[in-house]
């Protein structure tokens, strides 16, 4: 392992985006209201962070209607899975380096 550590993925290093991706990686898909409840985020902030993750290609977002009600469903993409795996590996490297230097 190198003693030089690069910067953490800035997209995933934000708490709410990390919570969203961490939730989606263990589910086939999740609705907006479920993600809002699990992350304890406001509607506006959750919407903004979903857009950020979608723009990065980390999640797909499907908008539809159930009856007369809008329904937003999110799913992690292959790129999102790979990014989360790299992020967690990099965090482990940070922790290993800090623990081994004590």
N, C-alpha and C. Protein backbone atom coordinates (compact mmCIF):
# COMPACT_ATOMS: atom_id res chain seq x y z
N UNK A 1 0.84 -1.18 0.00
CA UNK A 1 0.00 0.00 0.00
C UNK A 1 0.88 1.24 0.00
N UNK A 2 0.51 2.21 -0.79
CA UNK A 2 1.25 3.45 -0.89
C UNK A 2 0.99 4.33 0.32
N UNK A 3 2.01 5.10 0.74
CA UNK A 3 1.81 6.01 1.86
C UNK A 3 1.16 7.31 1.39
N UNK A 4 1.03 7.47 0.06
CA UNK A 4 0.39 8.64 -0.49
C UNK A 4 -1.07 8.32 -0.80
N UNK A 5 -1.95 9.10 -0.24
CA UNK A 5 -3.38 8.87 -0.45
C UNK A 5 -3.96 10.00 -1.27
N UNK A 6 -4.73 9.64 -2.27
CA UNK A 6 -5.38 10.64 -3.10
C UNK A 6 -6.65 11.14 -2.44
N UNK A 7 -7.27 12.12 -3.05
CA UNK A 7 -8.52 12.65 -2.49
C UNK A 7 -9.65 11.63 -2.61
N UNK A 8 -10.55 11.68 -1.66
CA UNK A 8 -11.73 10.82 -1.71
C UNK A 8 -12.68 11.34 -2.78
N UNK A 9 -13.47 10.45 -3.35
CA UNK A 9 -14.45 10.81 -4.37
C UNK A 9 -15.37 11.90 -3.80
N UNK A 10 -15.31 13.13 -4.34
CA UNK A 10 -16.10 14.22 -3.77
C UNK A 10 -17.61 14.03 -3.91
N UNK A 11 -18.04 13.26 -4.89
CA UNK A 11 -19.47 13.01 -5.06
C UNK A 11 -19.98 12.14 -3.92
N UNK A 12 -19.24 11.08 -3.60
CA UNK A 12 -19.68 10.15 -2.56
C UNK A 12 -19.28 10.59 -1.16
N UNK A 13 -18.37 11.54 -1.06
CA UNK A 13 -17.92 11.96 0.27
C UNK A 13 -18.91 12.89 0.96
N UNK A 14 -19.96 13.27 0.27
CA UNK A 14 -21.03 14.08 0.87
C UNK A 14 -21.98 13.11 1.58
N UNK A 15 -22.32 13.40 2.81
CA UNK A 15 -23.05 12.48 3.69
C UNK A 15 -24.36 11.97 3.09
N UNK A 16 -25.19 12.83 2.57
CA UNK A 16 -26.49 12.39 2.05
C UNK A 16 -26.32 11.54 0.79
N UNK A 17 -25.43 11.95 -0.12
CA UNK A 17 -25.21 11.14 -1.32
C UNK A 17 -24.66 9.77 -0.97
N UNK A 18 -23.77 9.71 0.02
CA UNK A 18 -23.24 8.42 0.46
C UNK A 18 -24.34 7.56 1.06
N UNK A 19 -25.24 8.17 1.83
CA UNK A 19 -26.36 7.43 2.43
C UNK A 19 -27.29 6.88 1.34
N UNK A 20 -27.54 7.68 0.32
CA UNK A 20 -28.41 7.23 -0.77
C UNK A 20 -27.81 6.04 -1.49
N UNK A 21 -26.56 6.16 -1.89
CA UNK A 21 -25.91 5.08 -2.64
C UNK A 21 -25.75 3.84 -1.77
N UNK A 22 -25.43 4.02 -0.49
CA UNK A 22 -25.30 2.89 0.43
C UNK A 22 -26.63 2.17 0.62
N UNK A 23 -27.71 2.89 0.56
CA UNK A 23 -29.04 2.28 0.66
C UNK A 23 -29.37 1.54 -0.63
N UNK A 24 -29.12 2.18 -1.76
CA UNK A 24 -29.50 1.59 -3.04
C UNK A 24 -28.67 0.35 -3.39
N UNK A 25 -27.45 0.25 -2.88
CA UNK A 25 -26.61 -0.89 -3.25
C UNK A 25 -27.17 -2.20 -2.70
N UNK A 26 -27.97 -2.13 -1.66
CA UNK A 26 -28.52 -3.36 -1.08
C UNK A 26 -29.97 -3.62 -1.49
N UNK A 27 -30.52 -2.75 -2.34
CA UNK A 27 -31.90 -2.90 -2.80
C UNK A 27 -31.93 -2.95 -4.32
N UNK A 28 -32.96 -3.57 -4.87
CA UNK A 28 -33.13 -3.55 -6.32
C UNK A 28 -33.43 -2.13 -6.77
N UNK A 29 -34.30 -1.46 -6.05
CA UNK A 29 -34.64 -0.06 -6.32
C UNK A 29 -35.33 0.49 -5.07
N UNK A 30 -35.44 1.81 -5.03
CA UNK A 30 -36.12 2.44 -3.89
C UNK A 30 -36.83 3.69 -4.36
N UNK A 31 -37.98 3.93 -3.77
CA UNK A 31 -38.77 5.11 -4.09
C UNK A 31 -38.27 6.33 -3.34
N UNK A 32 -38.66 7.49 -3.84
CA UNK A 32 -38.27 8.76 -3.25
C UNK A 32 -38.66 8.84 -1.78
N UNK A 33 -39.89 8.48 -1.47
CA UNK A 33 -40.35 8.59 -0.08
C UNK A 33 -39.59 7.65 0.85
N UNK A 34 -39.24 6.46 0.37
CA UNK A 34 -38.44 5.54 1.19
C UNK A 34 -37.06 6.15 1.46
N UNK A 35 -36.43 6.68 0.43
CA UNK A 35 -35.10 7.29 0.61
C UNK A 35 -35.18 8.51 1.53
N UNK A 36 -36.26 9.27 1.41
CA UNK A 36 -36.45 10.42 2.29
C UNK A 36 -36.54 9.98 3.75
N UNK A 37 -37.29 8.91 3.99
CA UNK A 37 -37.46 8.39 5.34
C UNK A 37 -36.15 7.81 5.89
N UNK A 38 -35.47 7.02 5.10
CA UNK A 38 -34.24 6.36 5.55
C UNK A 38 -33.12 7.36 5.82
N UNK A 39 -33.03 8.40 4.98
CA UNK A 39 -31.94 9.36 5.12
C UNK A 39 -32.29 10.56 6.00
N UNK A 40 -33.58 10.70 6.31
CA UNK A 40 -34.05 11.83 7.12
C UNK A 40 -33.74 13.17 6.44
N UNK A 41 -33.82 13.17 5.11
CA UNK A 41 -33.53 14.37 4.33
C UNK A 41 -34.82 15.13 4.02
N UNK A 42 -34.67 16.40 3.75
CA UNK A 42 -35.82 17.17 3.28
C UNK A 42 -36.07 16.81 1.82
N UNK A 43 -37.28 17.08 1.34
CA UNK A 43 -37.61 16.77 -0.06
C UNK A 43 -36.67 17.50 -1.02
N UNK A 44 -36.45 18.78 -0.76
CA UNK A 44 -35.61 19.57 -1.65
C UNK A 44 -34.17 19.10 -1.69
N UNK A 45 -33.60 18.82 -0.52
CA UNK A 45 -32.21 18.37 -0.47
C UNK A 45 -32.07 16.99 -1.11
N UNK A 46 -33.01 16.09 -0.82
CA UNK A 46 -32.95 14.76 -1.42
C UNK A 46 -33.05 14.86 -2.93
N UNK A 47 -33.96 15.66 -3.41
CA UNK A 47 -34.13 15.84 -4.85
C UNK A 47 -32.84 16.35 -5.49
N UNK A 48 -32.21 17.33 -4.87
CA UNK A 48 -30.96 17.89 -5.39
C UNK A 48 -29.86 16.83 -5.43
N UNK A 49 -29.75 16.04 -4.37
CA UNK A 49 -28.67 15.05 -4.32
C UNK A 49 -28.94 13.88 -5.28
N UNK A 50 -30.20 13.53 -5.48
CA UNK A 50 -30.52 12.51 -6.47
C UNK A 50 -30.13 13.00 -7.87
N UNK A 51 -30.39 14.26 -8.14
CA UNK A 51 -30.00 14.84 -9.42
C UNK A 51 -28.49 14.80 -9.60
N UNK A 52 -27.75 15.14 -8.55
CA UNK A 52 -26.28 15.09 -8.61
C UNK A 52 -25.80 13.67 -8.92
N UNK A 53 -26.36 12.69 -8.22
CA UNK A 53 -25.95 11.30 -8.44
C UNK A 53 -26.35 10.82 -9.83
N UNK A 54 -27.51 11.24 -10.30
CA UNK A 54 -27.96 10.88 -11.65
C UNK A 54 -27.04 11.49 -12.70
N UNK A 55 -26.68 12.75 -12.51
CA UNK A 55 -25.79 13.43 -13.46
C UNK A 55 -24.41 12.79 -13.53
N UNK A 56 -23.97 12.21 -12.44
CA UNK A 56 -22.68 11.49 -12.41
C UNK A 56 -22.79 10.10 -13.02
N UNK A 57 -24.03 9.65 -13.23
CA UNK A 57 -24.24 8.30 -13.76
C UNK A 57 -24.21 7.22 -12.70
N UNK A 58 -24.30 7.62 -11.41
CA UNK A 58 -24.24 6.67 -10.30
C UNK A 58 -25.59 6.02 -10.02
N UNK A 59 -26.67 6.70 -10.39
CA UNK A 59 -28.01 6.13 -10.20
C UNK A 59 -28.85 6.43 -11.44
N UNK A 60 -29.89 5.64 -11.63
CA UNK A 60 -30.90 5.96 -12.64
C UNK A 60 -32.16 6.37 -11.88
N UNK A 61 -32.89 7.28 -12.46
CA UNK A 61 -34.11 7.79 -11.84
C UNK A 61 -35.24 7.63 -12.84
N UNK A 62 -36.29 6.95 -12.41
CA UNK A 62 -37.46 6.74 -13.25
C UNK A 62 -38.64 7.47 -12.62
N UNK A 63 -39.26 8.32 -13.39
CA UNK A 63 -40.44 9.07 -12.91
C UNK A 63 -41.67 8.51 -13.61
N UNK A 64 -42.69 8.24 -12.83
CA UNK A 64 -43.93 7.71 -13.38
C UNK A 64 -45.09 8.19 -12.50
N UNK A 65 -46.26 7.69 -12.80
CA UNK A 65 -47.44 8.00 -11.98
C UNK A 65 -48.07 6.71 -11.51
N UNK A 66 -48.47 6.70 -10.26
CA UNK A 66 -49.27 5.61 -9.70
C UNK A 66 -50.61 6.23 -9.37
N UNK A 67 -51.60 5.90 -10.17
CA UNK A 67 -52.87 6.62 -10.05
C UNK A 67 -52.63 8.04 -10.50
N UNK A 68 -53.00 8.99 -9.69
CA UNK A 68 -52.75 10.40 -9.99
C UNK A 68 -51.53 10.96 -9.28
N UNK A 69 -50.75 10.10 -8.65
CA UNK A 69 -49.63 10.56 -7.84
C UNK A 69 -48.29 10.29 -8.53
N UNK A 70 -47.40 11.28 -8.52
CA UNK A 70 -46.08 11.06 -9.10
C UNK A 70 -45.29 10.06 -8.27
N UNK A 71 -44.49 9.26 -8.95
CA UNK A 71 -43.69 8.24 -8.29
C UNK A 71 -42.28 8.29 -8.87
N UNK A 72 -41.29 8.50 -8.02
CA UNK A 72 -39.90 8.53 -8.44
C UNK A 72 -39.21 7.30 -7.85
N UNK A 73 -38.60 6.51 -8.73
CA UNK A 73 -37.90 5.30 -8.32
C UNK A 73 -36.44 5.41 -8.73
N UNK A 74 -35.54 5.07 -7.80
CA UNK A 74 -34.11 5.18 -8.04
C UNK A 74 -33.45 3.81 -7.97
N UNK A 75 -32.41 3.66 -8.77
CA UNK A 75 -31.68 2.40 -8.81
C UNK A 75 -30.20 2.73 -9.02
N UNK A 76 -29.33 2.02 -8.32
CA UNK A 76 -27.90 2.24 -8.49
C UNK A 76 -27.46 1.63 -9.83
N UNK A 77 -26.53 2.27 -10.50
CA UNK A 77 -26.02 1.78 -11.76
C UNK A 77 -24.71 1.02 -11.53
N UNK A 78 -24.23 0.37 -12.58
CA UNK A 78 -22.94 -0.32 -12.49
C UNK A 78 -21.83 0.68 -12.14
N UNK A 79 -21.88 1.85 -12.75
CA UNK A 79 -20.89 2.89 -12.45
C UNK A 79 -20.98 3.30 -10.98
N UNK A 80 -22.19 3.38 -10.44
CA UNK A 80 -22.37 3.73 -9.04
C UNK A 80 -21.82 2.66 -8.10
N UNK A 81 -22.05 1.40 -8.46
CA UNK A 81 -21.52 0.30 -7.65
C UNK A 81 -20.00 0.34 -7.64
N UNK A 82 -19.41 0.52 -8.82
CA UNK A 82 -17.94 0.58 -8.92
C UNK A 82 -17.39 1.77 -8.13
N UNK A 83 -18.05 2.91 -8.22
CA UNK A 83 -17.59 4.11 -7.50
C UNK A 83 -17.66 3.88 -5.99
N UNK A 84 -18.74 3.25 -5.51
CA UNK A 84 -18.87 2.99 -4.08
C UNK A 84 -17.82 1.99 -3.62
N UNK A 85 -17.56 0.97 -4.41
CA UNK A 85 -16.53 -0.01 -4.05
C UNK A 85 -15.16 0.65 -3.97
N UNK A 86 -14.84 1.52 -4.94
CA UNK A 86 -13.56 2.24 -4.92
C UNK A 86 -13.48 3.17 -3.72
N UNK A 87 -14.57 3.85 -3.42
CA UNK A 87 -14.62 4.78 -2.29
C UNK A 87 -14.38 4.04 -0.98
N UNK A 88 -15.06 2.91 -0.78
CA UNK A 88 -14.89 2.17 0.47
C UNK A 88 -13.47 1.59 0.57
N UNK A 89 -12.90 1.18 -0.55
CA UNK A 89 -11.52 0.68 -0.54
C UNK A 89 -10.55 1.79 -0.16
N UNK A 90 -10.79 2.97 -0.69
CA UNK A 90 -9.93 4.10 -0.37
C UNK A 90 -10.06 4.49 1.10
N UNK A 91 -11.29 4.44 1.64
CA UNK A 91 -11.48 4.72 3.07
C UNK A 91 -10.72 3.70 3.92
N UNK A 92 -10.77 2.45 3.51
CA UNK A 92 -10.01 1.41 4.24
C UNK A 92 -8.53 1.73 4.21
N UNK A 93 -8.03 2.19 3.07
CA UNK A 93 -6.61 2.55 2.98
C UNK A 93 -6.27 3.70 3.92
N UNK A 94 -7.14 4.70 4.00
CA UNK A 94 -6.94 5.81 4.93
C UNK A 94 -6.87 5.29 6.37
N UNK A 95 -7.81 4.44 6.71
CA UNK A 95 -7.87 3.91 8.08
C UNK A 95 -6.65 3.02 8.38
N UNK A 96 -6.28 2.17 7.44
CA UNK A 96 -5.11 1.30 7.61
C UNK A 96 -3.86 2.12 7.82
N UNK A 97 -3.71 3.17 7.01
CA UNK A 97 -2.52 4.01 7.13
C UNK A 97 -2.48 4.70 8.49
N UNK A 98 -3.61 5.21 8.93
CA UNK A 98 -3.66 5.90 10.23
C UNK A 98 -3.46 4.93 11.38
N UNK A 99 -4.03 3.74 11.31
CA UNK A 99 -3.87 2.77 12.39
C UNK A 99 -2.45 2.22 12.43
N UNK A 100 -1.81 2.06 11.29
CA UNK A 100 -0.47 1.50 11.24
C UNK A 100 0.59 2.53 11.62
N UNK A 101 0.25 3.79 11.61
CA UNK A 101 1.21 4.84 11.97
C UNK A 101 1.13 5.24 13.43
N UNK A 102 0.34 4.53 14.22
CA UNK A 102 0.23 4.86 15.66
C UNK A 102 1.37 4.26 16.42
